[in-house]
Amino acid sequence: FKNRDHVDKVTKVYNRFCKKLEKAGLTKKPFETATQFGKRVAEQLPDKKPVILKITTAYNNLHYGKHPNQLLLRSFEEKVKAFKL
């Protein structure tokens, strides 16, 4: 089973990504999944589409995957940290 600290860390990093998008007026709606939100935002920011979709996919894999992957987590954190609007 997954480590709770791992899930909490993944969620914390994803929330940082969402905050960056919020500052640009792109807020995740309560009913949207991460995938739905990522696709919507990617369409509104076509120049950022590849990285938005990579971040969203990494989040889903890390959050819902069966085995914590530290390498993917590190890459996910770096992508979110580097993401600028």
Protein backbone atom coordinates (compact mmCIF):
# COMPACT_ATOMS: atom_id res chain seq x y z
CA PHE A 1 0.00 0.00 0.00
CA LYS A 2 1.02 3.61 -0.44
CA ASN A 3 2.76 5.63 2.20
CA ARG A 4 0.51 8.43 3.52
CA ASP A 5 3.44 10.86 3.61
CA HIS A 6 4.05 10.16 -0.07
CA VAL A 7 0.42 10.95 -0.99
CA ASP A 8 0.47 14.09 1.17
CA LYS A 9 3.67 15.29 -0.51
CA VAL A 10 2.27 14.63 -4.00
CA THR A 11 -0.91 16.54 -3.11
CA LYS A 12 1.11 19.42 -1.64
CA VAL A 13 3.20 19.75 -4.83
CA TYR A 14 0.09 19.54 -7.03
CA ASN A 15 -1.58 22.26 -4.94
CA ARG A 16 1.44 24.52 -5.59
CA PHE A 17 0.90 23.95 -9.32
CA CYS A 18 -2.79 24.85 -8.96
CA LYS A 19 -1.88 28.03 -7.03
CA LYS A 20 0.37 29.14 -9.88
CA LEU A 21 -2.52 28.67 -12.30
CA GLU A 22 -4.92 30.43 -9.92
CA LYS A 23 -2.75 33.55 -10.04
CA ALA A 24 -3.41 33.61 -13.79
CA GLY A 25 -7.17 33.33 -13.17
CA LEU A 26 -7.35 29.60 -13.91
CA THR A 27 -9.01 28.01 -10.92
CA LYS A 28 -9.73 24.30 -10.53
CA LYS A 29 -13.44 23.78 -10.03
CA PRO A 30 -14.45 21.53 -7.11
CA PHE A 31 -16.04 18.97 -9.44
CA GLU A 32 -13.08 18.78 -11.86
CA THR A 33 -10.65 15.91 -11.77
CA ALA A 34 -6.97 16.71 -12.20
CA THR A 35 -7.20 15.37 -15.76
CA GLN A 36 -10.20 17.53 -16.63
CA PHE A 37 -8.56 20.59 -15.13
CA GLY A 38 -5.26 19.90 -16.89
CA LYS A 39 -6.96 19.52 -20.27
CA ARG A 40 -9.02 22.70 -19.79
CA VAL A 41 -6.03 24.76 -18.72
CA ALA A 42 -3.84 23.30 -21.48
CA GLU A 43 -6.38 24.48 -24.07
CA GLN A 44 -6.33 27.98 -22.57
CA LEU A 45 -2.52 28.06 -22.46
CA PRO A 46 -1.49 26.29 -25.68
CA ASP A 47 2.17 27.29 -25.33
CA LYS A 48 2.27 25.52 -21.95
CA LYS A 49 0.17 22.53 -23.00
CA PRO A 50 2.96 19.89 -23.07
CA VAL A 51 4.24 20.71 -19.59
CA ILE A 52 0.73 21.06 -18.11
CA LEU A 53 -0.21 17.62 -19.43
CA LYS A 54 3.09 16.11 -18.17
CA ILE A 55 2.53 17.57 -14.69
CA THR A 56 -1.06 16.30 -14.66
CA THR A 57 -0.05 12.81 -15.80
CA ALA A 58 2.75 12.66 -13.22
CA TYR A 59 0.32 13.74 -10.49
CA ASN A 60 -2.18 11.04 -11.42
CA ASN A 61 0.54 8.36 -11.61
CA LEU A 62 2.01 9.36 -8.26
CA HIS A 63 -1.28 9.91 -6.45
CA TYR A 64 -3.17 6.88 -7.74
CA GLY A 65 -0.30 4.51 -8.60
CA LYS A 66 0.23 1.43 -6.48
CA HIS A 67 3.93 1.96 -5.77
CA PRO A 68 5.60 5.21 -4.71
CA ASN A 69 8.25 6.20 -7.21
CA GLN A 70 10.85 8.59 -5.77
CA LEU A 71 12.39 9.33 -9.18
CA LEU A 72 9.02 10.33 -10.63
CA LEU A 73 8.25 12.35 -7.50
CA ARG A 74 11.51 14.29 -7.85
CA SER A 75 10.82 14.95 -11.55
CA PHE A 76 7.25 16.04 -10.70
CA GLU A 77 8.53 18.46 -8.05
CA GLU A 78 11.08 19.92 -10.47
CA LYS A 79 8.48 20.41 -13.22
CA VAL A 80 6.11 22.19 -10.84
CA LYS A 81 8.91 24.35 -9.44
CA ALA A 82 10.06 25.34 -12.95
CA PHE A 83 6.50 26.03 -14.19
CA LYS A 84 6.04 29.73 -14.90
CA LEU A 85 3.27 31.71 -16.53
